[in-house]
C-alpha cells in the first residue's frame, strides 16, 4: 500500500472518533434529561443542536480539502451533479414510499433499498471522496447500531428507542432491527455520502475558483 493510500485511510480515524464521542455525549444528555433543545428525546432526534448529523457537511469539506492537498483530483461539477442526483433518488424514493406503502416496517425496508441506490449513484461523482465518506459513514453508524441495541433492549427513554405511533412491530428486537439497524446502515450512510459529496464538491469548486483568481492576478 502506498504512503498516500495509508494517509487517506488515516483521515477517517479522528473524524469517526469525534463523531462517536459526540453521539455518546448526546446519549448521556438524553438519559439525564438535559436541555431538550440540545438533547431532544423526540422521535427522529427533534433537530437537537447536539447531534452527529451536523458533522456531515463539515467532514465532507475536510475530506475534499485533504484530497485536493494530497493531489487527488476530481471534477467539481461531476461531484456536485451526482450528489444532487443521489439526493433526488432519496427524495423521490422517500415520497413514493410514503405515498404507496402503509406498513411502516415495509416502507423502511424499501427506503433502505432506495438509499443504497443513492449511495451507488453518488459514487460516480468523485470516487476518492466517495470512498472516504462511505468509510466514515460505516465507521460512525456501526457503533450507532450498538447504541440503538442498548436503548431498545434496556428500555431507555431516548430518541434512539422512540417508536412511531401504530408501528406494526411490538417486540424490542424487531423494532431495533427495523428502526435501528436498517436506517443506520442504509439511509444514514446514504445521507453521509450524498451530503458529504455535495459539500465536498462545493469545496472543490470554491478552491479552484480561488486558485484561478490568484493566478490571474
Protein backbone atom coordinates (compact mmCIF):
# COMPACT_ATOMS: atom_id res chain seq x y z
CA UNK A 1 0.00 0.00 0.00
CA UNK A 2 1.36 3.40 -0.98
CA UNK A 3 2.14 6.12 1.56
CA UNK A 4 -0.61 8.24 0.03
CA UNK A 5 -3.16 5.43 0.41
CA UNK A 6 -2.20 4.99 4.07
CA UNK A 7 -2.61 8.73 4.68
CA UNK A 8 -6.07 8.69 3.09
CA UNK A 9 -7.12 5.82 5.36
CA UNK A 10 -5.95 7.70 8.44
CA UNK A 11 -8.03 10.74 7.57
CA UNK A 12 -11.18 8.88 8.59
CA UNK A 13 -9.99 7.83 12.05
CA UNK A 14 -10.23 11.07 14.03
CA UNK A 15 -13.45 12.32 12.40
CA UNK A 16 -15.08 8.98 13.24
CA UNK A 17 -13.79 9.11 16.82
CA UNK A 18 -15.04 12.68 17.31
CA UNK A 19 -18.44 11.74 15.90
CA UNK A 20 -18.87 8.70 18.16
CA UNK A 21 -17.86 10.74 21.22
CA UNK A 22 -20.50 13.35 20.39
CA UNK A 23 -23.08 10.58 19.99
CA UNK A 24 -22.19 9.27 23.45
CA UNK A 25 -22.50 12.80 24.90
CA UNK A 26 -25.89 13.07 23.20
CA UNK A 27 -26.95 9.77 24.76
CA UNK A 28 -25.83 10.92 28.21
CA UNK A 29 -27.74 14.17 27.79
CA UNK A 30 -30.94 12.36 26.88
CA UNK A 31 -30.65 9.82 29.69
CA UNK A 32 -30.13 12.63 32.20
CA UNK A 33 -32.91 14.74 30.65
CA UNK A 34 -30.71 17.72 29.98
CA UNK A 35 -31.88 20.72 27.95
CA UNK A 36 -34.16 19.29 25.19
CA UNK A 37 -33.02 22.00 22.79
CA UNK A 38 -29.60 20.38 22.93
CA UNK A 39 -30.55 16.79 23.74
CA UNK A 40 -34.05 16.14 22.41
CA UNK A 41 -35.57 12.71 23.10
CA UNK A 42 -38.24 13.15 20.41
CA UNK A 43 -38.59 10.62 17.62
CA UNK A 44 -36.03 11.35 14.91
CA UNK A 45 -33.89 13.45 17.22
CA UNK A 46 -36.03 16.58 17.22
CA UNK A 47 -33.35 18.61 15.39
CA UNK A 48 -31.36 18.80 18.63
CA UNK A 49 -28.29 21.03 18.45
CA UNK A 50 -26.04 18.33 19.90
CA UNK A 51 -26.00 15.63 17.26
CA UNK A 52 -23.80 13.97 14.69
CA UNK A 53 -25.81 14.83 11.59
CA UNK A 54 -24.39 18.36 11.61
CA UNK A 55 -20.88 16.93 11.21
CA UNK A 56 -21.54 15.50 7.74
CA UNK A 57 -21.01 18.75 5.77
CA UNK A 58 -18.05 19.67 7.96
CA UNK A 59 -16.22 16.43 7.26
CA UNK A 60 -17.31 16.49 3.62
CA UNK A 61 -15.42 19.77 3.33
CA UNK A 62 -12.50 18.36 5.32
CA UNK A 63 -12.14 15.21 3.21
CA UNK A 64 -12.36 17.16 -0.05
CA UNK A 65 -9.73 19.62 1.14
CA UNK A 66 -7.39 16.83 2.25
CA UNK A 67 -7.80 15.03 -1.07
CA UNK A 68 -7.05 18.19 -3.01
CA UNK A 69 -3.98 18.90 -0.90
CA UNK A 70 -2.72 15.37 -1.48
CA UNK A 71 -3.08 15.67 -5.25
CA UNK A 72 -6.26 13.64 -5.69
CA UNK A 73 -8.16 15.44 -8.40
CA UNK A 74 -11.87 15.42 -9.08
CA UNK A 75 -14.45 17.34 -11.08
CA UNK A 76 -16.46 19.80 -9.00
CA UNK A 77 -19.36 19.76 -11.45
CA UNK A 78 -19.41 15.98 -11.66
CA UNK A 79 -19.18 15.59 -7.88
CA UNK A 80 -22.00 18.06 -7.22
CA UNK A 81 -24.10 16.71 -10.07
CA UNK A 82 -24.05 13.09 -8.93
CA UNK A 83 -24.56 14.15 -5.31
CA UNK A 84 -27.70 16.04 -6.37
CA UNK A 85 -28.80 13.03 -8.39
CA UNK A 86 -28.33 10.82 -5.33
CA UNK A 87 -30.33 13.33 -3.28
CA UNK A 88 -33.09 13.29 -5.89
CA UNK A 89 -33.22 9.49 -5.71
CA UNK A 90 -33.67 9.68 -1.95
CA UNK A 91 -36.31 12.42 -2.06
CA UNK A 92 -38.40 10.90 -4.85
CA UNK A 93 -37.99 7.40 -3.46
CA UNK A 94 -38.96 8.60 0.00
CA UNK A 95 -42.08 10.38 -1.22
CA UNK A 96 -43.21 7.44 -3.32
CA UNK A 97 -42.58 5.06 -0.44
CA UNK A 98 -44.69 7.15 1.91
CA UNK A 99 -47.50 7.50 -0.61
CA UNK A 100 -47.71 3.86 -1.65
CA UNK A 101 -46.87 1.83 1.46
CA UNK A 102 -48.98 1.86 4.60
CA UNK A 103 -46.94 -0.66 6.58
CA UNK A 104 -44.21 1.38 8.26
CA UNK A 105 -41.80 -1.53 8.62
CA UNK A 106 -42.06 -2.41 4.93
CA UNK A 107 -41.70 1.25 3.98
CA UNK A 108 -38.45 1.49 5.96
CA UNK A 109 -37.14 -1.64 4.25
CA UNK A 110 -38.00 -0.33 0.78
CA UNK A 111 -36.50 3.07 1.55
CA UNK A 112 -33.35 1.28 2.67
CA UNK A 113 -33.07 -0.12 -0.85
CA UNK A 114 -33.63 3.37 -2.26
CA UNK A 115 -30.84 4.67 -0.02
CA UNK A 116 -28.45 2.03 -1.34
CA UNK A 117 -29.25 3.12 -4.90
CA UNK A 118 -28.48 6.72 -3.91
CA UNK A 119 -25.13 5.59 -2.50
CA UNK A 120 -24.23 3.82 -5.74
CA UNK A 121 -25.25 6.84 -7.84
CA UNK A 122 -23.11 9.24 -5.79
CA UNK A 123 -20.04 7.06 -6.28
CA UNK A 124 -19.76 8.18 -9.92
CA UNK A 125 -19.00 11.77 -8.92
CA UNK A 126 -15.62 11.71 -7.17
CA UNK A 127 -14.67 8.11 -6.33
CA UNK A 128 -11.86 9.04 -3.90
CA UNK A 129 -14.14 11.32 -1.88
CA UNK A 130 -16.90 8.73 -2.05
CA UNK A 131 -14.57 6.09 -0.59
CA UNK A 132 -13.70 8.34 2.36
CA UNK A 133 -17.32 9.26 3.02
CA UNK A 134 -18.52 5.67 2.77
CA UNK A 135 -15.80 4.51 5.15
CA UNK A 136 -16.59 7.34 7.55
CA UNK A 137 -20.30 6.60 7.29
CA UNK A 138 -19.96 2.95 8.30
CA UNK A 139 -17.28 3.74 10.91
CA UNK A 140 -19.81 6.00 12.62
CA UNK A 141 -23.06 4.15 12.01
CA UNK A 142 -21.93 0.69 13.12
CA UNK A 143 -21.31 1.96 16.70
CA UNK A 144 -24.69 3.69 16.48
CA UNK A 145 -26.31 0.31 15.86
CA UNK A 146 -24.84 -0.76 19.20
CA UNK A 147 -26.26 2.32 20.94
CA UNK A 148 -29.68 1.59 19.46
CA UNK A 149 -29.42 -2.01 20.68
CA UNK A 150 -28.77 -0.86 24.23
CA UNK A 151 -31.55 1.73 24.05
CA UNK A 152 -34.15 -0.77 22.84
CA UNK A 153 -33.08 -3.73 24.95
CA UNK A 154 -32.78 -1.73 28.16
CA UNK A 155 -35.86 0.39 27.57
CA UNK A 156 -34.06 3.73 27.67
CA UNK A 157 -36.31 6.75 27.09
CA UNK A 158 -34.26 8.35 24.32
CA UNK A 159 -34.75 9.22 20.68
CA UNK A 160 -32.67 6.13 19.91
CA UNK A 161 -35.54 3.93 21.07
CA UNK A 162 -38.51 6.13 20.11
CA UNK A 163 -41.16 4.15 18.24
CA UNK A 164 -43.62 5.81 15.80
CA UNK A 165 -47.34 5.59 16.62
CA UNK A 166 -49.07 2.45 15.31
CA UNK A 167 -45.76 0.80 14.46
CA UNK A 168 -46.56 -2.80 13.40
CA UNK A 169 -43.79 -4.48 15.41
CA UNK A 170 -44.17 -4.65 19.19
CA UNK A 171 -41.11 -6.61 20.35
CA UNK A 172 -37.96 -4.62 21.08
CA UNK A 173 -35.73 -6.85 18.96
CA UNK A 174 -37.81 -6.41 15.82
CA UNK A 175 -38.09 -2.69 16.49
CA UNK A 176 -34.32 -2.48 16.87
CA UNK A 177 -33.76 -4.26 13.55
CA UNK A 178 -36.19 -2.09 11.61
CA UNK A 179 -35.77 1.26 13.39
CA UNK A 180 -32.13 0.89 14.42
CA UNK A 181 -30.13 -1.39 12.15
CA UNK A 182 -31.83 -0.72 8.79
CA UNK A 183 -31.83 3.10 8.86
CA UNK A 184 -28.35 3.36 10.33
CA UNK A 185 -26.74 1.11 7.73
CA UNK A 186 -28.71 2.38 4.73
CA UNK A 187 -30.36 5.80 4.98
CA UNK A 188 -27.86 7.46 7.31
CA UNK A 189 -24.88 6.13 5.36
CA UNK A 190 -26.54 7.45 2.19
CA UNK A 191 -27.14 10.80 3.89
CA UNK A 192 -23.46 10.94 4.82
CA UNK A 193 -22.27 10.07 1.33
CA UNK A 194 -24.70 12.33 -0.55
CA UNK A 195 -24.41 15.47 1.57
CA UNK A 196 -20.72 14.91 2.23
CA UNK A 197 -20.13 14.71 -1.53
CA UNK A 198 -22.27 17.78 -2.15
CA UNK A 199 -20.29 19.91 0.29
CA UNK A 200 -17.06 18.31 -0.87
CA UNK A 201 -17.86 19.24 -4.46
CA UNK A 202 -18.65 22.81 -3.42
CA UNK A 203 -15.32 22.94 -1.59
CA UNK A 204 -13.52 21.79 -4.71
CA UNK A 205 -15.35 24.40 -6.76
CA UNK A 206 -14.51 27.24 -4.36
CA UNK A 207 -10.91 26.11 -4.01
CA UNK A 208 -10.36 26.01 -7.76
CA UNK A 209 -12.12 29.33 -8.25
CA UNK A 210 -9.81 30.86 -5.65
CA UNK A 211 -6.77 29.33 -7.34
CA UNK A 212 -7.77 30.68 -10.75
CA UNK A 213 -8.40 34.11 -9.28
CA UNK A 214 -5.00 34.10 -7.61
CA UNK A 215 -3.12 33.00 -10.74
CA UNK A 216 -4.90 35.51 -12.98
CA UNK A 217 -3.69 38.47 -10.93
